[in-house]
């Protein structure tokens, strides 16, 4: 279990999205989000395994092994989720608007303006991160 956790941590540390990925295009951003989600699933499997081991150790009156590395990985992935998944929310809402046929949507362009205004307000009230700055630039670009 500890070896699996160390492998996950090594892969995570090596390939986690860097701040320069924020300069990339939409596809690159979505790939980074997908990577974060995949590592979250792998972490969940480790966490479930740890809980099982702790339960079994408790049944036999043994002290469970120390697997603090799993908590370290969780903290790091959570930090990235907090920063990156906001882009996924923005992109998902934008895609919903983009699904409308232009002939129908052109009479409802105010919906796009409301979408941009909502996100501008949301981003102003959140703490400044690299992602929020990137999203503000995107919103301002769409306003033009």
N, C-alpha and C. Protein backbone atom coordinates (compact mmCIF):
# COMPACT_ATOMS: atom_id res chain seq x y z
N UNK A 1 0.84 -1.19 0.00
CA UNK A 1 0.00 0.00 0.00
C UNK A 1 0.88 1.25 0.00
N UNK A 2 1.92 1.22 0.83
CA UNK A 2 2.80 2.38 0.90
C UNK A 2 3.52 2.60 -0.43
N UNK A 3 3.93 1.49 -1.07
CA UNK A 3 4.60 1.61 -2.38
C UNK A 3 3.67 2.22 -3.42
N UNK A 4 2.41 1.80 -3.42
CA UNK A 4 1.44 2.37 -4.36
C UNK A 4 1.25 3.86 -4.12
N UNK A 5 1.20 4.25 -2.84
CA UNK A 5 1.04 5.67 -2.50
C UNK A 5 2.26 6.47 -2.95
N UNK A 6 3.43 5.91 -2.76
CA UNK A 6 4.65 6.62 -3.18
C UNK A 6 4.72 6.74 -4.70
N UNK A 7 4.26 5.71 -5.42
CA UNK A 7 4.23 5.79 -6.89
C UNK A 7 3.26 6.86 -7.35
N UNK A 8 2.08 6.89 -6.71
CA UNK A 8 1.08 7.91 -7.08
C UNK A 8 1.63 9.31 -6.80
N UNK A 9 2.27 9.48 -5.66
CA UNK A 9 2.83 10.80 -5.31
C UNK A 9 3.90 11.20 -6.32
N UNK A 10 4.75 10.25 -6.69
CA UNK A 10 5.82 10.56 -7.66
C UNK A 10 5.23 10.96 -9.00
N UNK A 11 4.23 10.20 -9.48
CA UNK A 11 3.59 10.54 -10.76
C UNK A 11 2.87 11.89 -10.66
N UNK A 12 2.20 12.10 -9.54
CA UNK A 12 1.49 13.37 -9.35
C UNK A 12 2.47 14.54 -9.35
N UNK A 13 3.54 14.42 -8.57
CA UNK A 13 4.52 15.51 -8.49
C UNK A 13 5.17 15.78 -9.85
N UNK A 14 5.38 14.72 -10.63
CA UNK A 14 6.03 14.88 -11.93
C UNK A 14 5.12 15.52 -12.97
N UNK A 15 3.84 15.12 -12.97
CA UNK A 15 2.97 15.52 -14.07
C UNK A 15 1.83 16.45 -13.71
N UNK A 16 1.73 16.89 -12.46
CA UNK A 16 0.62 17.78 -12.10
C UNK A 16 0.72 19.06 -12.93
N UNK A 17 -0.43 19.66 -13.21
CA UNK A 17 -0.43 20.86 -14.08
C UNK A 17 0.43 21.99 -13.49
N UNK A 18 1.24 22.53 -14.30
CA UNK A 18 2.09 23.67 -13.91
C UNK A 18 1.37 24.97 -14.27
N UNK A 19 1.84 26.04 -13.71
CA UNK A 19 1.18 27.32 -13.98
C UNK A 19 1.28 27.73 -15.45
N UNK A 20 2.30 27.25 -16.16
CA UNK A 20 2.40 27.60 -17.57
C UNK A 20 1.30 26.94 -18.40
N UNK A 21 0.65 25.91 -17.85
CA UNK A 21 -0.49 25.29 -18.55
C UNK A 21 -1.65 26.26 -18.66
N UNK A 22 -1.69 27.25 -17.78
CA UNK A 22 -2.75 28.26 -17.83
C UNK A 22 -2.66 29.12 -19.07
N UNK A 23 -1.48 29.14 -19.69
CA UNK A 23 -1.31 29.93 -20.91
C UNK A 23 -1.75 29.16 -22.15
N UNK A 24 -2.06 27.89 -21.95
CA UNK A 24 -2.43 27.04 -23.08
C UNK A 24 -3.84 27.30 -23.57
N UNK A 25 -4.20 26.53 -24.59
CA UNK A 25 -5.54 26.67 -25.14
C UNK A 25 -6.54 25.85 -24.32
N UNK A 26 -7.77 25.90 -24.75
CA UNK A 26 -8.87 25.26 -24.03
C UNK A 26 -8.65 23.75 -23.89
N UNK A 27 -8.19 23.11 -24.95
CA UNK A 27 -7.96 21.66 -24.92
C UNK A 27 -6.89 21.29 -23.90
N UNK A 28 -5.85 22.07 -23.85
CA UNK A 28 -4.77 21.81 -22.89
C UNK A 28 -5.28 21.96 -21.45
N UNK A 29 -6.12 22.94 -21.24
CA UNK A 29 -6.70 23.16 -19.91
C UNK A 29 -7.59 21.98 -19.53
N UNK A 30 -8.40 21.51 -20.47
CA UNK A 30 -9.30 20.39 -20.18
C UNK A 30 -8.52 19.10 -19.94
N UNK A 31 -7.39 18.92 -20.62
CA UNK A 31 -6.54 17.75 -20.37
C UNK A 31 -5.97 17.80 -18.95
N UNK A 32 -5.59 18.99 -18.52
CA UNK A 32 -5.05 19.14 -17.16
C UNK A 32 -6.13 18.80 -16.13
N UNK A 33 -7.34 19.23 -16.38
CA UNK A 33 -8.45 18.93 -15.46
C UNK A 33 -8.72 17.43 -15.45
N UNK A 34 -8.68 16.80 -16.60
CA UNK A 34 -8.89 15.35 -16.68
C UNK A 34 -7.80 14.61 -15.90
N UNK A 35 -6.57 15.08 -16.00
CA UNK A 35 -5.48 14.47 -15.25
C UNK A 35 -5.72 14.57 -13.75
N UNK A 36 -6.17 15.73 -13.30
CA UNK A 36 -6.46 15.92 -11.87
C UNK A 36 -7.55 14.95 -11.43
N UNK A 37 -8.58 14.80 -12.23
CA UNK A 37 -9.67 13.88 -11.90
C UNK A 37 -9.19 12.43 -11.84
N UNK A 38 -8.33 12.05 -12.78
CA UNK A 38 -7.80 10.68 -12.78
C UNK A 38 -6.99 10.41 -11.51
N UNK A 39 -6.19 11.37 -11.12
CA UNK A 39 -5.38 11.19 -9.91
C UNK A 39 -6.27 11.17 -8.66
N UNK A 40 -7.37 11.91 -8.69
CA UNK A 40 -8.31 11.87 -7.57
C UNK A 40 -8.90 10.46 -7.44
N UNK A 41 -9.25 9.85 -8.55
CA UNK A 41 -9.79 8.48 -8.53
C UNK A 41 -8.76 7.49 -7.99
N UNK A 42 -7.53 7.65 -8.44
CA UNK A 42 -6.47 6.77 -7.95
C UNK A 42 -6.25 6.97 -6.46
N UNK A 43 -6.30 8.22 -6.01
CA UNK A 43 -6.17 8.51 -4.59
C UNK A 43 -7.32 7.86 -3.82
N UNK A 44 -8.52 7.94 -4.35
CA UNK A 44 -9.69 7.37 -3.67
C UNK A 44 -9.52 5.87 -3.48
N UNK A 45 -8.98 5.19 -4.48
CA UNK A 45 -8.73 3.76 -4.36
C UNK A 45 -7.72 3.48 -3.24
N UNK A 46 -6.67 4.29 -3.15
CA UNK A 46 -5.71 4.13 -2.07
C UNK A 46 -6.35 4.39 -0.71
N UNK A 47 -7.16 5.43 -0.65
CA UNK A 47 -7.82 5.77 0.61
C UNK A 47 -8.77 4.66 1.05
N UNK A 48 -9.50 4.09 0.11
CA UNK A 48 -10.39 2.98 0.43
C UNK A 48 -9.59 1.78 0.94
N UNK A 49 -8.45 1.52 0.30
CA UNK A 49 -7.58 0.43 0.74
C UNK A 49 -7.05 0.65 2.14
N UNK A 50 -6.68 1.91 2.42
CA UNK A 50 -6.19 2.23 3.77
C UNK A 50 -7.27 2.01 4.81
N UNK A 51 -8.49 2.44 4.51
CA UNK A 51 -9.60 2.24 5.45
C UNK A 51 -9.83 0.75 5.71
N UNK A 52 -9.74 -0.05 4.67
CA UNK A 52 -9.92 -1.50 4.81
C UNK A 52 -8.83 -2.08 5.71
N UNK A 53 -7.59 -1.66 5.48
CA UNK A 53 -6.47 -2.14 6.30
C UNK A 53 -6.66 -1.71 7.76
N UNK A 54 -7.06 -0.46 7.97
CA UNK A 54 -7.27 0.03 9.33
C UNK A 54 -8.37 -0.76 10.03
N UNK A 55 -9.42 -1.07 9.31
CA UNK A 55 -10.52 -1.85 9.87
C UNK A 55 -10.06 -3.26 10.25
N UNK A 56 -9.31 -3.88 9.34
CA UNK A 56 -8.82 -5.22 9.60
C UNK A 56 -7.83 -5.24 10.76
N UNK A 57 -6.97 -4.22 10.84
CA UNK A 57 -6.03 -4.14 11.96
C UNK A 57 -6.80 -3.98 13.28
N UNK A 58 -7.86 -3.18 13.24
CA UNK A 58 -8.68 -2.98 14.44
C UNK A 58 -9.34 -4.27 14.89
N UNK A 59 -9.75 -5.09 13.96
CA UNK A 59 -10.38 -6.38 14.30
C UNK A 59 -9.41 -7.33 14.98
N UNK A 60 -8.13 -7.22 14.63
CA UNK A 60 -7.12 -8.10 15.22
C UNK A 60 -6.35 -7.43 16.35
N UNK A 61 -6.74 -6.20 16.70
CA UNK A 61 -6.09 -5.50 17.80
C UNK A 61 -4.69 -5.02 17.45
N UNK A 62 -4.42 -4.80 16.19
CA UNK A 62 -3.10 -4.33 15.75
C UNK A 62 -3.15 -2.84 15.44
N UNK A 63 -2.01 -2.20 15.57
CA UNK A 63 -1.92 -0.79 15.17
C UNK A 63 -1.82 -0.72 13.65
N UNK A 64 -2.63 0.12 13.03
CA UNK A 64 -2.56 0.23 11.56
C UNK A 64 -1.26 0.92 11.15
N UNK A 65 -0.77 0.61 9.96
CA UNK A 65 0.47 1.25 9.49
C UNK A 65 0.24 2.75 9.25
N UNK A 66 1.30 3.50 9.43
CA UNK A 66 1.26 4.94 9.17
C UNK A 66 1.32 5.17 7.66
N UNK A 67 0.30 5.79 7.13
CA UNK A 67 0.25 6.09 5.70
C UNK A 67 -0.07 7.57 5.50
N UNK A 68 0.74 8.41 6.13
CA UNK A 68 0.53 9.85 6.04
C UNK A 68 0.67 10.39 4.62
N UNK A 69 1.40 9.67 3.79
CA UNK A 69 1.61 10.11 2.41
C UNK A 69 0.28 10.22 1.67
N UNK A 70 -0.68 9.38 2.03
CA UNK A 70 -1.99 9.43 1.37
C UNK A 70 -2.69 10.75 1.69
N UNK A 71 -2.53 11.22 2.93
CA UNK A 71 -3.11 12.52 3.31
C UNK A 71 -2.39 13.67 2.61
N UNK A 72 -1.08 13.54 2.43
CA UNK A 72 -0.32 14.58 1.73
C UNK A 72 -0.80 14.70 0.28
N UNK A 73 -0.99 13.55 -0.36
CA UNK A 73 -1.45 13.54 -1.74
C UNK A 73 -2.84 14.18 -1.82
N UNK A 74 -3.71 13.84 -0.87
CA UNK A 74 -5.06 14.39 -0.85
C UNK A 74 -5.02 15.91 -0.75
N UNK A 75 -4.20 16.43 0.14
CA UNK A 75 -4.12 17.89 0.32
C UNK A 75 -3.67 18.58 -0.97
N UNK A 76 -2.67 17.99 -1.62
CA UNK A 76 -2.15 18.60 -2.84
C UNK A 76 -3.17 18.54 -3.97
N UNK A 77 -3.81 17.38 -4.15
CA UNK A 77 -4.81 17.25 -5.21
C UNK A 77 -5.98 18.19 -4.93
N UNK A 78 -6.39 18.31 -3.67
CA UNK A 78 -7.50 19.19 -3.32
C UNK A 78 -7.18 20.63 -3.68
N UNK A 79 -5.97 21.05 -3.42
CA UNK A 79 -5.57 22.42 -3.78
C UNK A 79 -5.70 22.64 -5.29
N UNK A 80 -5.28 21.67 -6.07
CA UNK A 80 -5.40 21.80 -7.52
C UNK A 80 -6.85 21.76 -7.96
N UNK A 81 -7.65 20.91 -7.33
CA UNK A 81 -9.08 20.85 -7.68
C UNK A 81 -9.73 22.20 -7.42
N UNK A 82 -9.42 22.80 -6.28
CA UNK A 82 -10.01 24.09 -5.95
C UNK A 82 -9.67 25.15 -7.00
N UNK A 83 -8.46 25.09 -7.52
CA UNK A 83 -8.03 26.08 -8.51
C UNK A 83 -8.48 25.76 -9.93
N UNK A 84 -8.47 24.51 -10.29
CA UNK A 84 -8.69 24.15 -11.69
C UNK A 84 -10.14 23.81 -12.03
N UNK A 85 -10.88 23.28 -11.10
CA UNK A 85 -12.24 22.85 -11.45
C UNK A 85 -13.18 24.02 -11.70
N UNK A 86 -12.80 25.21 -11.26
CA UNK A 86 -13.61 26.39 -11.57
C UNK A 86 -13.60 26.63 -13.09
N UNK A 87 -12.48 26.31 -13.73
CA UNK A 87 -12.42 26.44 -15.19
C UNK A 87 -13.40 25.46 -15.84
N UNK A 88 -13.48 24.27 -15.29
CA UNK A 88 -14.40 23.28 -15.84
C UNK A 88 -15.85 23.77 -15.70
N UNK A 89 -16.18 24.38 -14.57
CA UNK A 89 -17.54 24.92 -14.38
C UNK A 89 -17.82 26.00 -15.42
N UNK A 90 -16.88 26.92 -15.59
CA UNK A 90 -17.03 27.99 -16.58
C UNK A 90 -17.20 27.40 -17.97
N UNK A 91 -16.36 26.47 -18.32
CA UNK A 91 -16.39 25.87 -19.65
C UNK A 91 -17.69 25.10 -19.88
N UNK A 92 -18.16 24.43 -18.88
CA UNK A 92 -19.41 23.67 -19.00
C UNK A 92 -20.59 24.60 -19.27
N UNK A 93 -20.66 25.70 -18.53
CA UNK A 93 -21.74 26.67 -18.76
C UNK A 93 -21.62 27.31 -20.14
N UNK A 94 -20.40 27.58 -20.55
CA UNK A 94 -20.18 28.16 -21.88
C UNK A 94 -20.61 27.18 -22.97
N UNK A 95 -20.28 25.90 -22.77
CA UNK A 95 -20.69 24.88 -23.74
C UNK A 95 -22.21 24.78 -23.85
N UNK A 96 -22.90 24.93 -22.74
CA UNK A 96 -24.36 24.89 -22.75
C UNK A 96 -24.91 26.00 -23.64
N UNK A 97 -24.34 27.18 -23.51
CA UNK A 97 -24.77 28.29 -24.37
C UNK A 97 -24.40 28.03 -25.83
N UNK A 98 -23.26 27.42 -26.03
CA UNK A 98 -22.79 27.18 -27.40
C UNK A 98 -23.62 26.11 -28.12
N UNK A 99 -24.34 25.29 -27.39
CA UNK A 99 -25.15 24.24 -27.99
C UNK A 99 -26.38 24.80 -28.71
N UNK A 100 -26.77 26.01 -28.35
CA UNK A 100 -27.94 26.64 -29.00
C UNK A 100 -27.63 26.91 -30.47
N UNK A 101 -28.61 26.74 -31.29
CA UNK A 101 -28.45 27.10 -32.70
C UNK A 101 -28.40 28.63 -32.78
N UNK A 102 -27.56 29.12 -33.67
CA UNK A 102 -27.38 30.56 -33.78
C UNK A 102 -28.68 31.26 -34.11
N UNK A 103 -29.47 30.68 -34.96
CA UNK A 103 -30.71 31.32 -35.39
C UNK A 103 -31.65 31.55 -34.19
N UNK A 104 -31.59 30.65 -33.22
CA UNK A 104 -32.41 30.79 -32.01
C UNK A 104 -31.70 31.69 -31.00
N UNK A 105 -30.39 31.50 -30.88
CA UNK A 105 -29.63 32.21 -29.86
C UNK A 105 -29.49 33.71 -30.13
N UNK A 106 -29.48 34.10 -31.39
CA UNK A 106 -29.24 35.51 -31.70
C UNK A 106 -30.31 36.43 -31.13
N UNK A 107 -31.49 35.90 -30.88
CA UNK A 107 -32.52 36.73 -30.24
C UNK A 107 -32.38 36.71 -28.71
N UNK A 108 -31.44 35.91 -28.21
CA UNK A 108 -31.23 35.79 -26.77
C UNK A 108 -29.79 36.09 -26.39
N UNK A 109 -29.15 36.98 -27.09
CA UNK A 109 -27.75 37.26 -26.79
C UNK A 109 -27.56 37.85 -25.39
N UNK A 110 -28.64 38.37 -24.83
CA UNK A 110 -28.56 38.88 -23.46
C UNK A 110 -28.17 37.76 -22.49
N UNK A 111 -28.49 36.51 -22.82
CA UNK A 111 -28.11 35.38 -21.96
C UNK A 111 -26.59 35.26 -21.87
N UNK A 112 -25.92 35.51 -22.98
CA UNK A 112 -24.46 35.46 -22.99
C UNK A 112 -23.90 36.60 -22.15
N UNK A 113 -24.49 37.79 -22.27
CA UNK A 113 -24.05 38.93 -21.46
C UNK A 113 -24.25 38.64 -19.98
N UNK A 114 -25.39 38.03 -19.63
CA UNK A 114 -25.66 37.68 -18.24
C UNK A 114 -24.66 36.64 -17.73
N UNK A 115 -24.36 35.69 -18.58
CA UNK A 115 -23.36 34.66 -18.23
C UNK A 115 -22.02 35.32 -17.92
N UNK A 116 -21.57 36.22 -18.80
CA UNK A 116 -20.29 36.89 -18.59
C UNK A 116 -20.31 37.75 -17.33
N UNK A 117 -21.41 38.45 -17.10
CA UNK A 117 -21.52 39.30 -15.92
C UNK A 117 -21.49 38.45 -14.65
N UNK A 118 -22.21 37.33 -14.67
CA UNK A 118 -22.25 36.43 -13.50
C UNK A 118 -20.84 35.94 -13.17
N UNK A 119 -20.10 35.54 -14.20
CA UNK A 119 -18.76 35.04 -13.95
C UNK A 119 -17.80 36.15 -13.53
N UNK A 120 -17.98 37.33 -14.05
CA UNK A 120 -17.13 38.44 -13.64
C UNK A 120 -17.34 38.72 -12.15
N UNK A 121 -18.61 38.72 -11.72
CA UNK A 121 -18.91 38.94 -10.29
C UNK A 121 -18.34 37.82 -9.44
N UNK A 122 -18.52 36.60 -9.90
CA UNK A 122 -18.02 35.43 -9.15
C UNK A 122 -16.50 35.50 -8.98
N UNK A 123 -15.82 35.87 -10.05
CA UNK A 123 -14.37 35.92 -10.00
C UNK A 123 -13.86 37.07 -9.14
N UNK A 124 -14.61 38.16 -9.09
CA UNK A 124 -14.21 39.29 -8.26
C UNK A 124 -14.33 38.96 -6.77
N UNK A 125 -15.29 38.08 -6.43
CA UNK A 125 -15.50 37.77 -5.02
C UNK A 125 -14.61 36.62 -4.52
N UNK A 126 -13.96 35.89 -5.44
CA UNK A 126 -13.08 34.81 -5.01
C UNK A 126 -11.67 35.35 -4.83
N UNK A 127 -10.86 34.56 -4.14
CA UNK A 127 -9.47 34.98 -3.94
C UNK A 127 -8.72 34.92 -5.28
N UNK A 128 -7.75 35.79 -5.40
CA UNK A 128 -6.99 35.88 -6.65
C UNK A 128 -6.06 34.67 -6.78
N UNK A 129 -6.26 33.91 -7.81
CA UNK A 129 -5.38 32.79 -8.15
C UNK A 129 -4.99 32.95 -9.61
N UNK A 130 -4.05 32.13 -10.03
CA UNK A 130 -3.67 32.17 -11.44
C UNK A 130 -4.88 31.84 -12.32
N UNK A 131 -5.70 30.90 -11.85
CA UNK A 131 -6.87 30.49 -12.63
C UNK A 131 -7.90 31.60 -12.71
N UNK A 132 -8.15 32.29 -11.60
CA UNK A 132 -9.15 33.36 -11.65
C UNK A 132 -8.70 34.49 -12.58
N UNK A 133 -7.40 34.77 -12.58
CA UNK A 133 -6.88 35.79 -13.50
C UNK A 133 -7.07 35.34 -14.95
N UNK A 134 -6.79 34.07 -15.22
CA UNK A 134 -6.98 33.53 -16.58
C UNK A 134 -8.45 33.64 -16.99
N UNK A 135 -9.36 33.27 -16.09
CA UNK A 135 -10.78 33.32 -16.41
C UNK A 135 -11.25 34.76 -16.62
N UNK A 136 -10.74 35.68 -15.82
CA UNK A 136 -11.12 37.09 -16.00
C UNK A 136 -10.70 37.58 -17.39
N UNK A 137 -9.51 37.16 -17.81
CA UNK A 137 -9.05 37.54 -19.16
C UNK A 137 -9.97 36.95 -20.21
N UNK A 138 -10.38 35.69 -20.02
CA UNK A 138 -11.29 35.05 -20.97
C UNK A 138 -12.63 35.78 -21.02
N UNK A 139 -13.17 36.13 -19.86
CA UNK A 139 -14.45 36.83 -19.80
C UNK A 139 -14.34 38.18 -20.50
N UNK A 140 -13.26 38.90 -20.22
CA UNK A 140 -13.07 40.21 -20.87
C UNK A 140 -12.90 40.05 -22.38
N UNK A 141 -12.24 38.99 -22.79
CA UNK A 141 -12.09 38.72 -24.23
C UNK A 141 -13.46 38.49 -24.87
N UNK A 142 -14.33 37.73 -24.21
CA UNK A 142 -15.66 37.47 -24.76
C UNK A 142 -16.52 38.73 -24.78
N UNK A 143 -16.28 39.64 -23.83
CA UNK A 143 -17.06 40.88 -23.79
C UNK A 143 -16.75 41.77 -25.00
N UNK A 144 -15.56 41.66 -25.51
CA UNK A 144 -15.16 42.49 -26.65
C UNK A 144 -15.84 42.02 -27.85
